[in-house]
Amino acid sequence: MFSKPLFLFGDIVVVRKAGEIIPEVVRVVHTKRDSSIQPFKMITHCPCCGSRLVRLTDEADHYCLNENCYGRRLAGLIYFASKPAMNIETLGEKVVEEFFSLGYLKDFTDIYSLYKYRSELENLEGFGEKSISVLLDNIEKSKNNELSKVITALGIRFVGTKVSKILSKKFGSLENLMNASKEELVAIRDIGERTADSIVSYFKNNYELVNK
């Protein structure tokens, strides 16, 4: 439809508040565009592990499929502790990233073993006895979260907060969900085959981790 892209990487644009909140791009300031500005080109390989990125059919996102990718593992830990998931206050992105780089966190189960390293964590720069005490208390509190938040925190593909609540209500326990068949899952309203396949595959590949 267009002979050239509407927006180029590095363009200066005019924005406005749409609905009084959301920024909306109105137009490009063409007079500010120079010959050095080039069209955006999507990278082909993961910047963390170097694996080739994959774009799935009918999706805009590109994915690194390497399950051992440093970036994927770190992102999973950050999401696990985030507000939509386990909501562990004071275990934010920067803290997770530091603990991960130092080897205290490898997977989400390690979060619940951090108390074993209390004295070491208290001696890390930027922390201290009080901050680590608060962090460990918040981790302990997260054990009382509703099942739906635990399901969300696992980061199962296509399973967000809404689907997690549906699964929690239907199965009542994580053990029941882990053992659910694809047929049982697709029989639930709002659970399609793609989501069912994702759930079954996740627990098949992570059964021991979740049990731990």
Protein backbone atom coordinates (compact mmCIF):
# COMPACT_ATOMS: atom_id res chain seq x y z
CA MET A 1 0.00 0.00 0.00
CA PHE A 2 2.87 2.36 0.84
CA SER A 3 6.04 2.75 -1.22
CA LYS A 4 8.15 3.30 1.91
CA PRO A 5 7.65 2.73 5.66
CA LEU A 6 5.54 5.29 7.51
CA PHE A 7 8.12 5.43 10.31
CA LEU A 8 11.86 4.98 10.20
CA PHE A 9 14.19 4.08 13.07
CA GLY A 10 15.27 7.39 14.62
CA ASP A 11 12.34 9.47 13.35
CA ILE A 12 11.12 12.39 15.43
CA VAL A 13 7.37 12.17 15.90
CA VAL A 14 4.52 14.20 17.33
CA VAL A 15 2.50 12.48 20.04
CA ARG A 16 -0.66 13.34 21.94
CA LYS A 17 -2.57 11.89 24.85
CA ALA A 18 -5.36 9.67 23.56
CA GLY A 19 -8.19 9.26 26.02
CA GLU A 20 -6.25 11.66 28.27
CA ILE A 21 -3.72 8.93 29.16
CA ILE A 22 -2.29 6.77 26.38
CA PRO A 23 0.32 8.42 24.10
CA GLU A 24 -0.65 8.22 20.43
CA VAL A 25 1.73 8.89 17.54
CA VAL A 26 0.11 11.53 15.34
CA ARG A 27 2.67 12.10 12.59
CA VAL A 28 6.32 12.06 11.62
CA VAL A 29 8.19 15.35 11.50
CA HIS A 30 9.53 14.82 7.98
CA THR A 31 11.59 18.01 8.07
CA LYS A 32 13.68 16.43 10.84
CA ARG A 33 14.36 13.24 8.87
CA ASP A 34 17.80 12.96 7.29
CA SER A 35 19.60 10.48 5.07
CA SER A 36 21.22 8.70 8.02
CA ILE A 37 17.85 7.38 9.25
CA GLN A 38 17.16 3.81 8.15
CA PRO A 39 14.13 1.50 8.30
CA PHE A 40 13.98 -0.69 11.41
CA LYS A 41 15.36 -4.17 10.81
CA MET A 42 14.42 -6.95 13.21
CA ILE A 43 17.36 -8.88 14.66
CA THR A 44 17.59 -12.53 13.63
CA HIS A 45 19.36 -13.97 16.69
CA CYS A 46 18.79 -13.74 20.44
CA PRO A 47 21.05 -11.03 21.93
CA CYS A 48 21.56 -13.16 25.08
CA CYS A 49 22.39 -16.64 23.80
CA GLY A 50 22.78 -16.23 20.05
CA SER A 51 20.03 -18.72 19.14
CA ARG A 52 18.06 -17.97 16.00
CA LEU A 53 14.80 -16.18 16.72
CA VAL A 54 11.54 -17.70 15.52
CA ARG A 55 8.36 -15.92 14.47
CA LEU A 56 5.40 -18.22 14.84
CA THR A 57 2.58 -18.32 12.32
CA ASP A 58 0.02 -15.51 12.72
CA GLU A 59 2.07 -13.85 15.47
CA ALA A 60 4.01 -10.59 15.45
CA ASP A 61 6.40 -11.49 18.26
CA HIS A 62 9.76 -13.16 17.76
CA TYR A 63 10.90 -15.84 20.22
CA CYS A 64 14.10 -17.42 21.44
CA LEU A 65 13.31 -21.13 21.81
CA ASN A 66 16.43 -21.98 23.80
CA GLU A 67 15.13 -23.02 27.23
CA ASN A 68 18.60 -22.56 28.73
CA CYS A 69 18.89 -19.00 27.44
CA TYR A 70 20.20 -16.63 30.13
CA GLY A 71 17.70 -13.96 29.11
CA ARG A 72 14.71 -16.29 29.13
CA ARG A 73 15.56 -17.72 32.52
CA LEU A 74 16.08 -14.27 34.02
CA ALA A 75 12.85 -12.93 32.51
CA GLY A 76 10.95 -15.91 33.93
CA LEU A 77 12.26 -15.19 37.42
CA ILE A 78 11.39 -11.50 37.17
CA TYR A 79 7.88 -12.36 36.03
CA PHE A 80 7.43 -14.95 38.79
CA ALA A 81 8.05 -12.30 41.47
CA SER A 82 6.12 -9.52 39.70
CA LYS A 83 2.82 -7.99 40.80
CA PRO A 84 0.55 -9.92 38.37
CA ALA A 85 2.18 -13.16 39.53
CA MET A 86 3.43 -13.90 43.08
CA ASN A 87 3.68 -10.19 43.89
CA ILE A 88 6.77 -10.47 46.08
CA GLU A 89 7.39 -6.90 47.18
CA THR A 90 11.04 -5.72 47.25
CA LEU A 91 12.04 -8.60 44.95
CA GLY A 92 12.01 -6.36 41.92
CA GLU A 93 13.73 -6.65 38.59
CA LYS A 94 17.09 -5.25 39.70
CA VAL A 95 17.26 -7.46 42.80
CA VAL A 96 16.34 -10.58 40.83
CA GLU A 97 18.93 -9.71 38.21
CA GLU A 98 21.67 -9.29 40.83
CA PHE A 99 20.81 -12.48 42.72
CA PHE A 100 20.64 -14.35 39.42
CA SER A 101 24.03 -13.09 38.27
CA LEU A 102 25.55 -14.06 41.63
CA GLY A 103 24.13 -17.58 41.42
CA TYR A 104 21.62 -17.37 44.27
CA LEU A 105 18.71 -17.79 41.84
CA LYS A 106 18.64 -20.35 39.04
CA ASP A 107 14.92 -21.14 38.91
CA PHE A 108 11.86 -19.95 40.83
CA THR A 109 12.20 -22.59 43.55
CA ASP A 110 15.45 -20.92 44.63
CA ILE A 111 13.47 -17.87 45.75
CA TYR A 112 12.15 -19.96 48.63
CA SER A 113 15.66 -21.04 49.60
CA LEU A 114 17.16 -17.55 49.86
CA TYR A 115 16.81 -17.66 53.64
CA LYS A 116 19.70 -20.14 53.67
CA TYR A 117 21.99 -17.37 52.45
CA ARG A 118 20.70 -14.64 54.75
CA SER A 119 24.08 -13.58 56.16
CA GLU A 120 25.67 -13.54 52.71
CA LEU A 121 22.85 -11.44 51.26
CA GLU A 122 23.02 -8.98 54.15
CA ASN A 123 26.67 -8.32 53.30
CA LEU A 124 26.00 -7.52 49.65
CA GLU A 125 26.51 -3.89 48.68
CA GLY A 126 23.24 -1.97 48.73
CA PHE A 127 21.47 -4.39 51.03
CA GLY A 128 21.74 -4.95 54.76
CA GLU A 129 20.06 -6.72 57.65
CA LYS A 130 16.81 -4.73 57.52
CA SER A 131 16.25 -4.91 53.75
CA ILE A 132 16.98 -8.64 53.59
CA SER A 133 14.70 -9.25 56.59
CA VAL A 134 11.85 -7.44 54.79
CA LEU A 135 12.55 -9.35 51.58
CA LEU A 136 12.50 -12.74 53.30
CA ASP A 137 9.27 -11.82 55.10
CA ASN A 138 7.68 -10.88 51.76
CA ILE A 139 8.80 -14.18 50.24
CA GLU A 140 7.25 -16.03 53.18
CA LYS A 141 3.98 -14.09 52.76
CA SER A 142 3.79 -15.10 49.11
CA LYS A 143 3.29 -18.72 50.20
CA ASN A 144 -0.26 -17.70 51.15
CA ASN A 145 -1.15 -16.49 47.66
CA GLU A 146 -4.20 -17.82 45.87
CA LEU A 147 -3.71 -20.74 43.49
CA SER A 148 -4.51 -18.53 40.49
CA LYS A 149 -1.48 -16.34 41.19
CA VAL A 150 0.76 -19.39 41.43
CA ILE A 151 -0.50 -20.62 38.06
CA THR A 152 0.06 -17.18 36.55
CA ALA A 153 3.58 -17.03 38.00
CA LEU A 154 4.64 -20.23 36.23
CA GLY A 155 4.61 -18.27 32.98
CA ILE A 156 2.84 -20.93 30.93
CA ARG A 157 2.38 -19.71 27.36
CA PHE A 158 -1.15 -18.38 26.69
CA VAL A 159 -2.01 -18.60 30.40
CA GLY A 160 -2.47 -15.12 31.84
CA THR A 161 -4.38 -13.93 34.90
CA LYS A 162 -7.83 -14.58 33.42
CA VAL A 163 -7.10 -18.16 32.31
CA SER A 164 -5.31 -18.83 35.61
CA LYS A 165 -8.46 -17.95 37.54
CA ILE A 166 -10.52 -20.25 35.33
CA LEU A 167 -8.06 -23.13 35.85
CA SER A 168 -7.88 -22.49 39.59
CA LYS A 169 -11.66 -22.62 39.94
CA LYS A 170 -11.96 -25.75 37.79
CA PHE A 171 -9.16 -27.89 39.25
CA GLY A 172 -8.83 -26.57 42.80
CA SER A 173 -5.19 -27.61 43.23
CA LEU A 174 -1.96 -27.43 41.33
CA GLU A 175 -1.62 -31.21 41.47
CA ASN A 176 -4.97 -31.67 39.71
CA LEU A 177 -4.00 -29.18 37.02
CA MET A 178 -0.63 -30.85 36.51
CA ASN A 179 -2.35 -34.16 35.82
CA ALA A 180 -5.11 -32.75 33.61
CA SER A 181 -5.39 -34.13 30.08
CA LYS A 182 -5.82 -32.08 26.94
CA GLU A 183 -9.38 -33.40 26.65
CA GLU A 184 -10.24 -32.15 30.13
CA LEU A 185 -8.75 -28.76 29.39
CA VAL A 186 -10.43 -28.10 26.04
CA ALA A 187 -13.76 -29.02 27.61
CA ILE A 188 -13.47 -25.84 29.71
CA ARG A 189 -15.00 -22.68 28.32
CA ASP A 190 -12.36 -20.16 27.11
CA ILE A 191 -9.65 -22.86 26.93
CA GLY A 192 -8.78 -23.62 23.32
CA GLU A 193 -6.57 -26.33 21.87
CA ARG A 194 -3.53 -24.08 21.65
CA THR A 195 -3.77 -23.17 25.34
CA ALA A 196 -4.48 -26.78 26.34
CA ASP A 197 -1.45 -28.03 24.40
CA SER A 198 0.70 -25.38 26.08
CA ILE A 199 -0.45 -26.37 29.58
CA VAL A 200 0.06 -30.10 29.01
CA SER A 201 3.48 -29.49 27.45
CA TYR A 202 4.58 -27.20 30.29
CA PHE A 203 3.84 -29.70 33.04
CA LYS A 204 5.27 -32.57 31.04
CA ASN A 205 8.58 -30.70 30.70
CA ASN A 206 8.61 -29.11 34.17
CA TYR A 207 6.92 -31.71 36.37
CA GLU A 208 9.90 -32.19 38.70
CA LEU A 209 10.55 -28.45 38.97
CA VAL A 210 6.97 -27.64 39.94
CA ASN A 211 6.90 -30.52 42.43
CA LYS A 212 10.08 -29.16 43.98
